[in-house]
Amino acid sequence: MLLWTGLGNPGPQYALHRHNVGFMALDVIADMHGFAPVQKKFQGWLQEGRIGNERVLLLKPATFMNESGRSVAEAMRFYKLEPTALTVFHDELDLAPMKVKVKQGGGTAGHNGLRSIDRHLGPDFRRVRLGIGHPGHKDRVTGHVLGNYAKAEMDGLTDMLAAISAEAAWLASGDDVRFMNDVALRMQD
């Protein structure tokens, strides 16, 4: 069993924020792969389904970003999962917009959601880094991260989320390189 967590903030006012792209990715995966309806569990929203041969749980913490680790740790304990079963989808300032990279373990790069999960579970989980680009100056980071995607970005965002979902079987099977390559190829089309 795998636990895939998308990071974001709950509430309709945050729905299109760049910081919520992790939530968006899970929503598209759930839709495209026919996951079961949402259940309220583990201080969040949980959906169960299959991708390829793997049973996958999709969890969107409802705790707000800086407390995401509480929700994730609760689900991990309940299902008796090791950190290797966890994949976290999150926004990444240090990647160009709409770029997707997978990384095992590492630091938090100042991301409050990752910091919270690290605090509860340690750093040894897989991350799907979803590029949102850097606004250029550190004083503009908060407004950029907590700002909505621009209309001009919506087609690229839709394409990225669709590519992630279409290639999710590679991620589920543990072939991170194939997942990244195939997502990048879909994004070029």
N, C-alpha and C. Protein backbone atom coordinates (compact mmCIF):
# COMPACT_ATOMS: atom_id res chain seq x y z
N MET A 1 0.84 -1.18 0.00
CA MET A 1 0.00 0.00 0.00
C MET A 1 0.88 1.24 0.00
N LEU A 2 0.46 2.24 -0.76
CA LEU A 2 1.18 3.51 -0.85
C LEU A 2 0.29 4.64 -0.35
N LEU A 3 0.90 5.63 0.29
CA LEU A 3 0.18 6.83 0.70
C LEU A 3 0.75 8.00 -0.08
N TRP A 4 -0.10 8.61 -0.91
CA TRP A 4 0.28 9.81 -1.66
C TRP A 4 -0.44 10.99 -1.02
N THR A 5 0.34 11.97 -0.59
CA THR A 5 -0.21 13.16 0.06
C THR A 5 0.01 14.37 -0.82
N GLY A 6 -1.02 15.16 -1.00
CA GLY A 6 -0.90 16.43 -1.69
C GLY A 6 -0.93 17.53 -0.66
N LEU A 7 -0.04 18.50 -0.78
CA LEU A 7 -0.02 19.60 0.18
C LEU A 7 -0.80 20.79 -0.35
N GLY A 8 -1.50 21.44 0.56
CA GLY A 8 -2.29 22.62 0.23
C GLY A 8 -2.95 23.14 1.48
N ASN A 9 -3.74 24.16 1.31
CA ASN A 9 -4.54 24.72 2.40
C ASN A 9 -6.01 24.48 2.10
N PRO A 10 -6.79 24.12 3.12
CA PRO A 10 -8.22 23.84 2.90
C PRO A 10 -9.01 25.13 2.70
N GLY A 11 -10.05 25.04 1.91
CA GLY A 11 -10.96 26.17 1.72
C GLY A 11 -10.94 26.67 0.30
N PRO A 12 -12.11 27.09 -0.20
CA PRO A 12 -12.23 27.52 -1.59
C PRO A 12 -11.39 28.75 -1.93
N GLN A 13 -11.10 29.60 -0.95
CA GLN A 13 -10.32 30.80 -1.22
C GLN A 13 -8.87 30.47 -1.57
N TYR A 14 -8.41 29.24 -1.26
CA TYR A 14 -7.04 28.83 -1.56
C TYR A 14 -6.94 27.93 -2.79
N ALA A 15 -8.06 27.55 -3.36
CA ALA A 15 -8.12 26.49 -4.36
C ALA A 15 -7.15 26.67 -5.53
N LEU A 16 -6.98 27.89 -6.01
CA LEU A 16 -6.12 28.11 -7.17
C LEU A 16 -4.75 28.70 -6.82
N HIS A 17 -4.42 28.71 -5.53
CA HIS A 17 -3.10 29.19 -5.12
C HIS A 17 -2.01 28.23 -5.62
N ARG A 18 -0.86 28.76 -5.96
CA ARG A 18 0.27 27.91 -6.35
C ARG A 18 0.63 26.94 -5.23
N HIS A 19 0.45 27.37 -3.99
CA HIS A 19 0.77 26.54 -2.82
C HIS A 19 -0.14 25.30 -2.77
N ASN A 20 -1.25 25.31 -3.49
CA ASN A 20 -2.21 24.20 -3.46
C ASN A 20 -2.06 23.24 -4.63
N VAL A 21 -0.99 23.33 -5.39
CA VAL A 21 -0.84 22.47 -6.56
C VAL A 21 -0.76 20.99 -6.17
N GLY A 22 -0.33 20.69 -4.96
CA GLY A 22 -0.32 19.30 -4.48
C GLY A 22 -1.74 18.75 -4.36
N PHE A 23 -2.66 19.56 -3.83
CA PHE A 23 -4.07 19.18 -3.78
C PHE A 23 -4.60 18.94 -5.19
N MET A 24 -4.28 19.87 -6.10
CA MET A 24 -4.76 19.78 -7.48
C MET A 24 -4.30 18.47 -8.12
N ALA A 25 -3.04 18.10 -7.91
CA ALA A 25 -2.51 16.87 -8.51
C ALA A 25 -3.29 15.66 -8.03
N LEU A 26 -3.57 15.58 -6.73
CA LEU A 26 -4.32 14.44 -6.20
C LEU A 26 -5.75 14.40 -6.74
N ASP A 27 -6.37 15.57 -6.89
CA ASP A 27 -7.73 15.61 -7.44
C ASP A 27 -7.78 15.03 -8.85
N VAL A 28 -6.81 15.39 -9.68
CA VAL A 28 -6.79 14.89 -11.05
C VAL A 28 -6.48 13.40 -11.08
N ILE A 29 -5.55 12.95 -10.25
CA ILE A 29 -5.24 11.51 -10.17
C ILE A 29 -6.48 10.73 -9.76
N ALA A 30 -7.19 11.21 -8.74
CA ALA A 30 -8.39 10.53 -8.26
C ALA A 30 -9.44 10.44 -9.36
N ASP A 31 -9.64 11.54 -10.09
CA ASP A 31 -10.63 11.56 -11.17
C ASP A 31 -10.25 10.62 -12.31
N MET A 32 -9.00 10.71 -12.77
CA MET A 32 -8.58 9.93 -13.93
C MET A 32 -8.48 8.43 -13.65
N HIS A 33 -8.23 8.08 -12.39
CA HIS A 33 -8.04 6.67 -12.05
C HIS A 33 -9.23 6.07 -11.31
N GLY A 34 -10.34 6.79 -11.26
CA GLY A 34 -11.58 6.26 -10.70
C GLY A 34 -11.50 5.89 -9.23
N PHE A 35 -10.91 6.74 -8.42
CA PHE A 35 -10.81 6.47 -6.99
C PHE A 35 -12.17 6.55 -6.32
N ALA A 36 -12.29 5.90 -5.17
CA ALA A 36 -13.52 5.91 -4.38
C ALA A 36 -13.82 7.32 -3.90
N PRO A 37 -15.07 7.57 -3.48
CA PRO A 37 -15.42 8.91 -2.97
C PRO A 37 -14.56 9.30 -1.77
N VAL A 38 -14.51 10.59 -1.53
CA VAL A 38 -13.73 11.15 -0.43
C VAL A 38 -14.34 10.75 0.91
N GLN A 39 -13.46 10.37 1.84
CA GLN A 39 -13.84 10.11 3.23
C GLN A 39 -13.09 11.10 4.11
N LYS A 40 -13.74 11.57 5.17
CA LYS A 40 -13.04 12.42 6.14
C LYS A 40 -12.34 11.50 7.13
N LYS A 41 -11.01 11.51 7.08
CA LYS A 41 -10.21 10.67 7.98
C LYS A 41 -8.86 11.34 8.21
N PHE A 42 -8.25 11.05 9.34
CA PHE A 42 -6.88 11.49 9.62
C PHE A 42 -6.71 13.00 9.49
N GLN A 43 -7.69 13.75 9.97
CA GLN A 43 -7.65 15.21 9.90
C GLN A 43 -7.48 15.67 8.45
N GLY A 44 -8.12 14.97 7.53
CA GLY A 44 -8.01 15.33 6.13
C GLY A 44 -9.06 14.62 5.30
N TRP A 45 -8.82 14.59 3.99
CA TRP A 45 -9.72 13.94 3.04
C TRP A 45 -8.95 12.80 2.39
N LEU A 46 -9.51 11.60 2.47
CA LEU A 46 -8.84 10.39 2.00
C LEU A 46 -9.66 9.73 0.89
N GLN A 47 -8.96 9.28 -0.15
CA GLN A 47 -9.60 8.50 -1.22
C GLN A 47 -8.75 7.26 -1.46
N GLU A 48 -9.43 6.14 -1.71
CA GLU A 48 -8.73 4.88 -1.96
C GLU A 48 -8.93 4.45 -3.40
N GLY A 49 -7.91 3.83 -3.95
CA GLY A 49 -8.00 3.33 -5.31
C GLY A 49 -6.79 2.51 -5.68
N ARG A 50 -6.70 2.19 -6.98
CA ARG A 50 -5.58 1.42 -7.49
C ARG A 50 -4.98 2.17 -8.68
N ILE A 51 -3.67 2.09 -8.74
CA ILE A 51 -2.94 2.60 -9.90
C ILE A 51 -1.99 1.48 -10.30
N GLY A 52 -2.20 0.95 -11.49
CA GLY A 52 -1.44 -0.23 -11.88
C GLY A 52 -1.76 -1.37 -10.93
N ASN A 53 -0.72 -1.99 -10.40
CA ASN A 53 -0.92 -3.10 -9.45
C ASN A 53 -0.92 -2.67 -8.00
N GLU A 54 -0.83 -1.38 -7.76
CA GLU A 54 -0.67 -0.88 -6.39
C GLU A 54 -1.96 -0.29 -5.82
N ARG A 55 -2.19 -0.59 -4.55
CA ARG A 55 -3.26 0.07 -3.81
C ARG A 55 -2.69 1.40 -3.34
N VAL A 56 -3.39 2.49 -3.65
CA VAL A 56 -2.90 3.83 -3.34
C VAL A 56 -3.97 4.58 -2.54
N LEU A 57 -3.53 5.21 -1.47
CA LEU A 57 -4.37 6.10 -0.68
C LEU A 57 -3.96 7.52 -1.02
N LEU A 58 -4.92 8.36 -1.33
CA LEU A 58 -4.66 9.78 -1.59
C LEU A 58 -5.15 10.57 -0.38
N LEU A 59 -4.26 11.36 0.22
CA LEU A 59 -4.61 12.13 1.41
C LEU A 59 -4.31 13.60 1.20
N LYS A 60 -5.34 14.42 1.43
CA LYS A 60 -5.18 15.88 1.44
C LYS A 60 -5.43 16.34 2.88
N PRO A 61 -4.36 16.72 3.60
CA PRO A 61 -4.54 17.17 4.98
C PRO A 61 -5.42 18.42 5.04
N ALA A 62 -6.32 18.46 6.02
CA ALA A 62 -7.19 19.62 6.22
C ALA A 62 -6.67 20.47 7.37
N THR A 63 -5.42 20.32 7.71
CA THR A 63 -4.83 20.95 8.89
C THR A 63 -4.17 22.29 8.61
N PHE A 64 -4.22 22.77 7.39
CA PHE A 64 -3.43 23.89 6.91
C PHE A 64 -1.98 23.43 6.76
N MET A 65 -1.29 24.09 5.86
CA MET A 65 0.03 23.67 5.41
C MET A 65 1.01 23.38 6.54
N ASN A 66 1.11 24.30 7.50
CA ASN A 66 2.16 24.17 8.51
C ASN A 66 1.91 23.07 9.53
N GLU A 67 0.76 22.39 9.46
CA GLU A 67 0.47 21.26 10.34
C GLU A 67 0.19 19.98 9.55
N SER A 68 0.57 19.94 8.28
CA SER A 68 0.31 18.78 7.42
C SER A 68 0.84 17.48 8.02
N GLY A 69 1.95 17.55 8.71
CA GLY A 69 2.57 16.35 9.28
C GLY A 69 1.69 15.62 10.27
N ARG A 70 0.83 16.33 10.99
CA ARG A 70 -0.07 15.66 11.93
C ARG A 70 -0.98 14.68 11.21
N SER A 71 -1.60 15.14 10.13
CA SER A 71 -2.51 14.32 9.34
C SER A 71 -1.79 13.14 8.70
N VAL A 72 -0.64 13.41 8.09
CA VAL A 72 0.12 12.38 7.39
C VAL A 72 0.61 11.32 8.39
N ALA A 73 1.15 11.76 9.52
CA ALA A 73 1.66 10.81 10.52
C ALA A 73 0.54 9.93 11.07
N GLU A 74 -0.63 10.50 11.25
CA GLU A 74 -1.78 9.73 11.75
C GLU A 74 -2.13 8.61 10.76
N ALA A 75 -2.19 8.92 9.48
CA ALA A 75 -2.49 7.91 8.46
C ALA A 75 -1.38 6.86 8.38
N MET A 76 -0.13 7.30 8.44
CA MET A 76 1.00 6.37 8.37
C MET A 76 0.96 5.39 9.54
N ARG A 77 0.67 5.88 10.74
CA ARG A 77 0.59 5.00 11.92
C ARG A 77 -0.58 4.02 11.78
N PHE A 78 -1.74 4.52 11.35
CA PHE A 78 -2.92 3.68 11.25
C PHE A 78 -2.68 2.50 10.30
N TYR A 79 -2.07 2.78 9.17
CA TYR A 79 -1.83 1.72 8.18
C TYR A 79 -0.49 1.02 8.36
N LYS A 80 0.26 1.42 9.41
CA LYS A 80 1.56 0.80 9.72
C LYS A 80 2.51 0.85 8.52
N LEU A 81 2.61 2.03 7.92
CA LEU A 81 3.44 2.22 6.73
C LEU A 81 4.81 2.77 7.11
N GLU A 82 5.80 2.38 6.34
CA GLU A 82 7.15 2.92 6.49
C GLU A 82 7.26 4.21 5.65
N PRO A 83 8.23 5.06 5.96
CA PRO A 83 8.40 6.30 5.18
C PRO A 83 8.57 6.04 3.67
N THR A 84 9.08 4.88 3.30
CA THR A 84 9.26 4.57 1.88
C THR A 84 7.93 4.44 1.14
N ALA A 85 6.83 4.27 1.86
CA ALA A 85 5.51 4.16 1.23
C ALA A 85 4.88 5.53 0.97
N LEU A 86 5.51 6.59 1.49
CA LEU A 86 4.94 7.94 1.41
C LEU A 86 5.52 8.73 0.24
N THR A 87 4.63 9.35 -0.53
CA THR A 87 5.01 10.29 -1.58
C THR A 87 4.24 11.57 -1.33
N VAL A 88 4.95 12.70 -1.32
CA VAL A 88 4.34 14.00 -1.07
C VAL A 88 4.43 14.86 -2.33
N PHE A 89 3.29 15.34 -2.80
CA PHE A 89 3.20 16.23 -3.96
C PHE A 89 3.15 17.67 -3.44
N HIS A 90 4.10 18.51 -3.86
CA HIS A 90 4.15 19.87 -3.32
C HIS A 90 4.69 20.87 -4.33
N ASP A 91 4.39 22.13 -4.08
CA ASP A 91 4.90 23.23 -4.90
C ASP A 91 6.38 23.42 -4.62
N GLU A 92 7.13 23.81 -5.66
CA GLU A 92 8.58 23.96 -5.55
C GLU A 92 9.02 25.25 -6.21
N LEU A 93 9.48 26.20 -5.41
CA LEU A 93 9.97 27.49 -5.90
C LEU A 93 11.20 27.35 -6.79
N ASP A 94 12.05 26.38 -6.47
CA ASP A 94 13.34 26.25 -7.15
C ASP A 94 13.26 25.48 -8.46
N LEU A 95 12.06 25.24 -8.96
CA LEU A 95 11.88 24.61 -10.27
C LEU A 95 11.08 25.56 -11.15
N ALA A 96 11.41 25.57 -12.42
CA ALA A 96 10.68 26.40 -13.37
C ALA A 96 9.20 26.01 -13.36
N PRO A 97 8.31 26.94 -13.65
CA PRO A 97 6.88 26.63 -13.66
C PRO A 97 6.57 25.42 -14.56
N MET A 98 5.74 24.54 -14.03
CA MET A 98 5.23 23.35 -14.72
C MET A 98 6.28 22.26 -14.94
N LYS A 99 7.43 22.35 -14.31
CA LYS A 99 8.42 21.27 -14.35
C LYS A 99 8.11 20.32 -13.20
N VAL A 100 8.36 19.02 -13.42
CA VAL A 100 8.07 18.01 -12.42
C VAL A 100 9.33 17.20 -12.18
N LYS A 101 9.74 17.12 -10.92
CA LYS A 101 10.91 16.33 -10.54
C LYS A 101 10.56 15.48 -9.33
N VAL A 102 11.15 14.30 -9.25
CA VAL A 102 10.94 13.41 -8.12
C VAL A 102 12.26 13.29 -7.37
N LYS A 103 12.17 13.29 -6.07
CA LYS A 103 13.36 13.24 -5.23
C LYS A 103 13.06 12.38 -4.01
N GLN A 104 14.02 11.58 -3.60
CA GLN A 104 13.88 10.76 -2.40
C GLN A 104 14.61 11.45 -1.25
N GLY A 105 13.90 11.73 -0.17
CA GLY A 105 14.52 12.36 1.00
C GLY A 105 14.99 13.76 0.72
N GLY A 106 15.74 14.31 1.67
CA GLY A 106 16.32 15.63 1.49
C GLY A 106 15.78 16.64 2.48
N GLY A 107 16.12 17.89 2.23
CA GLY A 107 15.71 18.98 3.11
C GLY A 107 14.33 19.49 2.79
N THR A 108 13.96 20.58 3.46
CA THR A 108 12.61 21.12 3.29
C THR A 108 12.59 22.42 2.49
N ALA A 109 13.76 23.01 2.23
CA ALA A 109 13.87 24.25 1.45
C ALA A 109 12.89 25.33 1.91
N GLY A 110 12.64 25.37 3.23
CA GLY A 110 11.75 26.39 3.77
C GLY A 110 10.27 26.15 3.56
N HIS A 111 9.90 24.99 3.01
CA HIS A 111 8.49 24.68 2.74
C HIS A 111 7.84 24.20 4.04
N ASN A 112 6.84 24.94 4.52
CA ASN A 112 6.24 24.62 5.82
C ASN A 112 5.55 23.26 5.86
N GLY A 113 4.96 22.83 4.76
CA GLY A 113 4.32 21.52 4.73
C GLY A 113 5.35 20.41 4.85
N LEU A 114 6.43 20.52 4.08
CA LEU A 114 7.50 19.52 4.17
C LEU A 114 8.15 19.54 5.55
N ARG A 115 8.35 20.72 6.09
CA ARG A 115 8.96 20.86 7.43
C ARG A 115 8.10 20.14 8.47
N SER A 116 6.79 20.27 8.37
CA SER A 116 5.88 19.62 9.32
C SER A 116 5.95 18.09 9.19
N ILE A 117 5.95 17.60 7.97
CA ILE A 117 6.04 16.15 7.76
C ILE A 117 7.38 15.62 8.25
N ASP A 118 8.45 16.34 7.95
CA ASP A 118 9.79 15.97 8.41
C ASP A 118 9.82 15.90 9.93
N ARG A 119 9.21 16.87 10.59
CA ARG A 119 9.18 16.92 12.06
C ARG A 119 8.47 15.68 12.63
N HIS A 120 7.42 15.21 11.96
CA HIS A 120 6.64 14.08 12.47
C HIS A 120 7.20 12.72 12.04
N LEU A 121 7.82 12.65 10.86
CA LEU A 121 8.20 11.35 10.29
C LEU A 121 9.67 11.24 9.89
N GLY A 122 10.40 12.34 9.92
CA GLY A 122 11.77 12.32 9.41
C GLY A 122 11.77 12.64 7.92
N PRO A 123 12.98 12.75 7.32
CA PRO A 123 13.11 13.24 5.94
C PRO A 123 13.05 12.16 4.85
N ASP A 124 12.92 10.90 5.22
CA ASP A 124 13.12 9.81 4.25
C ASP A 124 11.86 9.43 3.48
N PHE A 125 11.19 10.41 2.91
CA PHE A 125 10.01 10.15 2.08
C PHE A 125 10.26 10.73 0.69
N ARG A 126 9.51 10.22 -0.28
CA ARG A 126 9.65 10.67 -1.66
C ARG A 126 8.82 11.94 -1.88
N ARG A 127 9.38 12.84 -2.68
CA ARG A 127 8.71 14.10 -2.99
C ARG A 127 8.52 14.21 -4.49
N VAL A 128 7.33 14.62 -4.91
CA VAL A 128 7.08 14.99 -6.29
C VAL A 128 7.02 16.51 -6.28
N ARG A 129 8.07 17.13 -6.80
CA ARG A 129 8.25 18.58 -6.76
C ARG A 129 7.61 19.18 -8.00
N LEU A 130 6.63 20.05 -7.79
CA LEU A 130 5.87 20.65 -8.88
C LEU A 130 6.28 22.12 -8.99
N GLY A 131 7.00 22.44 -10.06
CA GLY A 131 7.58 23.76 -10.20
C GLY A 131 6.57 24.88 -10.30
N ILE A 132 6.81 25.91 -9.50
CA ILE A 132 5.99 27.13 -9.58
C ILE A 132 6.87 28.33 -9.92
N GLY A 133 8.18 28.12 -10.01
CA GLY A 133 9.09 29.21 -10.34
C GLY A 133 9.28 30.17 -9.17
N HIS A 134 10.35 30.91 -9.21
CA HIS A 134 10.66 31.90 -8.18
C HIS A 134 10.32 33.29 -8.72
N PRO A 135 9.70 34.14 -7.91
CA PRO A 135 9.31 35.46 -8.40
C PRO A 135 10.48 36.42 -8.62
N GLY A 136 11.69 36.01 -8.25
CA GLY A 136 12.86 36.84 -8.51
C GLY A 136 13.47 37.48 -7.29
N HIS A 137 12.65 37.85 -6.32
CA HIS A 137 13.18 38.46 -5.10
C HIS A 137 12.49 37.83 -3.90
N LYS A 138 13.26 37.62 -2.83
CA LYS A 138 12.71 36.93 -1.65
C LYS A 138 11.52 37.67 -1.02
N ASP A 139 11.47 38.98 -1.18
CA ASP A 139 10.34 39.73 -0.62
C ASP A 139 9.03 39.45 -1.34
N ARG A 140 9.10 38.87 -2.53
CA ARG A 140 7.89 38.59 -3.31
C ARG A 140 7.45 37.13 -3.21
N VAL A 141 8.20 36.31 -2.47
CA VAL A 141 7.90 34.87 -2.41
C VAL A 141 6.53 34.58 -1.83
N THR A 142 6.19 35.18 -0.69
CA THR A 142 4.90 34.87 -0.04
C THR A 142 3.73 35.19 -0.95
N GLY A 143 3.75 36.36 -1.57
CA GLY A 143 2.66 36.73 -2.48
C GLY A 143 2.58 35.82 -3.68
N HIS A 144 3.73 35.35 -4.16
CA HIS A 144 3.77 34.44 -5.31
C HIS A 144 3.18 33.07 -4.94
N VAL A 145 3.66 32.52 -3.85
CA VAL A 145 3.23 31.19 -3.40
C VAL A 145 1.75 31.20 -3.04
N LEU A 146 1.31 32.25 -2.35
CA LEU A 146 -0.08 32.34 -1.91
C LEU A 146 -0.97 33.09 -2.90
N GLY A 147 -0.47 33.26 -4.12
CA GLY A 147 -1.27 33.89 -5.17
C GLY A 147 -1.86 32.84 -6.09
N ASN A 148 -2.94 33.22 -6.75
CA ASN A 148 -3.57 32.32 -7.72
C ASN A 148 -2.71 32.19 -8.97
N TYR A 149 -2.84 31.03 -9.63
CA TYR A 149 -2.24 30.90 -10.95
C TYR A 149 -2.87 31.95 -11.86
N ALA A 150 -2.06 32.53 -12.72
CA ALA A 150 -2.54 33.52 -13.68
C ALA A 150 -3.31 32.81 -14.80
N LYS A 151 -4.21 33.53 -15.46
CA LYS A 151 -4.96 32.95 -16.59
C LYS A 151 -4.02 32.38 -17.65
N ALA A 152 -2.91 33.06 -17.88
CA ALA A 152 -1.95 32.61 -18.90
C ALA A 152 -1.26 31.30 -18.52
N GLU A 153 -1.31 30.92 -17.24
CA GLU A 153 -0.67 29.68 -16.76
C GLU A 153 -1.64 28.48 -16.77
N MET A 154 -2.91 28.72 -16.95
CA MET A 154 -3.91 27.66 -16.75
C MET A 154 -3.75 26.50 -17.73
N ASP A 155 -3.45 26.76 -19.00
CA ASP A 155 -3.27 25.66 -19.96
C ASP A 155 -2.07 24.80 -19.57
N GLY A 156 -0.97 25.44 -19.19
CA GLY A 156 0.22 24.71 -18.76
C GLY A 156 -0.04 23.90 -17.50
N LEU A 157 -0.78 24.48 -16.57
CA LEU A 157 -1.13 23.78 -15.33
C LEU A 157 -1.98 22.55 -15.63
N THR A 158 -2.99 22.73 -16.46
CA THR A 158 -3.86 21.62 -16.85
C THR A 158 -3.05 20.51 -17.52
N ASP A 159 -2.15 20.89 -18.42
CA ASP A 159 -1.32 19.89 -19.11
C ASP A 159 -0.42 19.15 -18.13
N MET A 160 0.19 19.88 -17.19
CA MET A 160 1.07 19.24 -16.21
C MET A 160 0.30 18.25 -15.34
N LEU A 161 -0.85 18.66 -14.83
CA LEU A 161 -1.63 17.78 -13.96
C LEU A 161 -2.11 16.54 -14.72
N ALA A 162 -2.52 16.72 -15.97
CA ALA A 162 -2.95 15.58 -16.78
C ALA A 162 -1.79 14.62 -17.05
N ALA A 163 -0.61 15.17 -17.31
CA ALA A 163 0.58 14.33 -17.56
C ALA A 163 0.96 13.53 -16.32
N ILE A 164 0.91 14.17 -15.15
CA ILE A 164 1.22 13.49 -13.89
C ILE A 164 0.27 12.32 -13.70
N SER A 165 -1.00 12.56 -13.90
CA SER A 165 -2.00 11.52 -13.70
C SER A 165 -1.85 10.39 -14.72
N ALA A 166 -1.61 10.76 -15.97
CA ALA A 166 -1.48 9.76 -17.03
C ALA A 166 -0.27 8.85 -16.80
N GLU A 167 0.78 9.36 -16.20
CA GLU A 167 2.01 8.59 -15.99
C GLU A 167 2.14 8.08 -14.55
N ALA A 168 1.08 8.20 -13.76
CA ALA A 168 1.13 7.84 -12.34
C ALA A 168 1.50 6.37 -12.08
N ALA A 169 1.22 5.49 -13.04
CA ALA A 169 1.56 4.07 -12.84
C ALA A 169 3.06 3.87 -12.67
N TRP A 170 3.87 4.70 -13.37
CA TRP A 170 5.33 4.60 -13.21
C TRP A 170 5.73 5.01 -11.80
N LEU A 171 5.09 6.03 -11.28
CA LEU A 171 5.37 6.47 -9.92
C LEU A 171 4.97 5.39 -8.91
N ALA A 172 3.79 4.80 -9.12
CA ALA A 172 3.31 3.75 -8.22
C ALA A 172 4.23 2.54 -8.21
N SER A 173 4.81 2.22 -9.36
CA SER A 173 5.69 1.05 -9.44
C SER A 173 7.11 1.35 -8.98
N GLY A 174 7.39 2.62 -8.68
CA GLY A 174 8.71 2.99 -8.17
C GLY A 174 9.71 3.40 -9.24
N ASP A 175 9.25 3.54 -10.49
CA ASP A 175 10.16 3.94 -11.56
C ASP A 175 10.09 5.47 -11.73
N ASP A 176 10.77 6.17 -10.82
CA ASP A 176 10.72 7.63 -10.79
C ASP A 176 11.30 8.25 -12.06
N VAL A 177 12.37 7.65 -12.59
CA VAL A 177 13.02 8.19 -13.79
C VAL A 177 12.07 8.11 -14.98
N ARG A 178 11.43 6.97 -15.16
CA ARG A 178 10.48 6.81 -16.28
C ARG A 178 9.30 7.77 -16.12
N PHE A 179 8.82 7.93 -14.87
CA PHE A 179 7.74 8.86 -14.59
C PHE A 179 8.14 10.28 -15.03
N MET A 180 9.31 10.75 -14.58
CA MET A 180 9.75 12.10 -14.93
C MET A 180 9.93 12.26 -16.44
N ASN A 181 10.54 11.27 -17.08
CA ASN A 181 10.77 11.34 -18.52
C ASN A 181 9.46 11.40 -19.29
N ASP A 182 8.52 10.51 -18.92
CA ASP A 182 7.26 10.46 -19.66
C ASP A 182 6.39 11.69 -19.41
N VAL A 183 6.44 12.24 -18.20
CA VAL A 183 5.72 13.49 -17.94
C VAL A 183 6.32 14.60 -18.80
N ALA A 184 7.65 14.68 -18.85
CA ALA A 184 8.31 15.72 -19.65
C ALA A 184 7.97 15.58 -21.13
N LEU A 185 7.92 14.34 -21.62
CA LEU A 185 7.57 14.11 -23.02
C LEU A 185 6.14 14.57 -23.31
N ARG A 186 5.22 14.25 -22.42
CA ARG A 186 3.82 14.68 -22.60
C ARG A 186 3.71 16.21 -22.60
N MET A 187 4.54 16.85 -21.79
CA MET A 187 4.49 18.31 -21.69
C MET A 187 5.02 18.98 -22.95
N GLN A 188 5.87 18.28 -23.74
CA GLN A 188 6.40 18.83 -24.97
C GLN A 188 5.39 18.79 -26.11
N ASP A 189 4.47 17.84 -26.06
CA ASP A 189 3.51 17.66 -27.15
C ASP A 189 2.63 18.88 -27.36
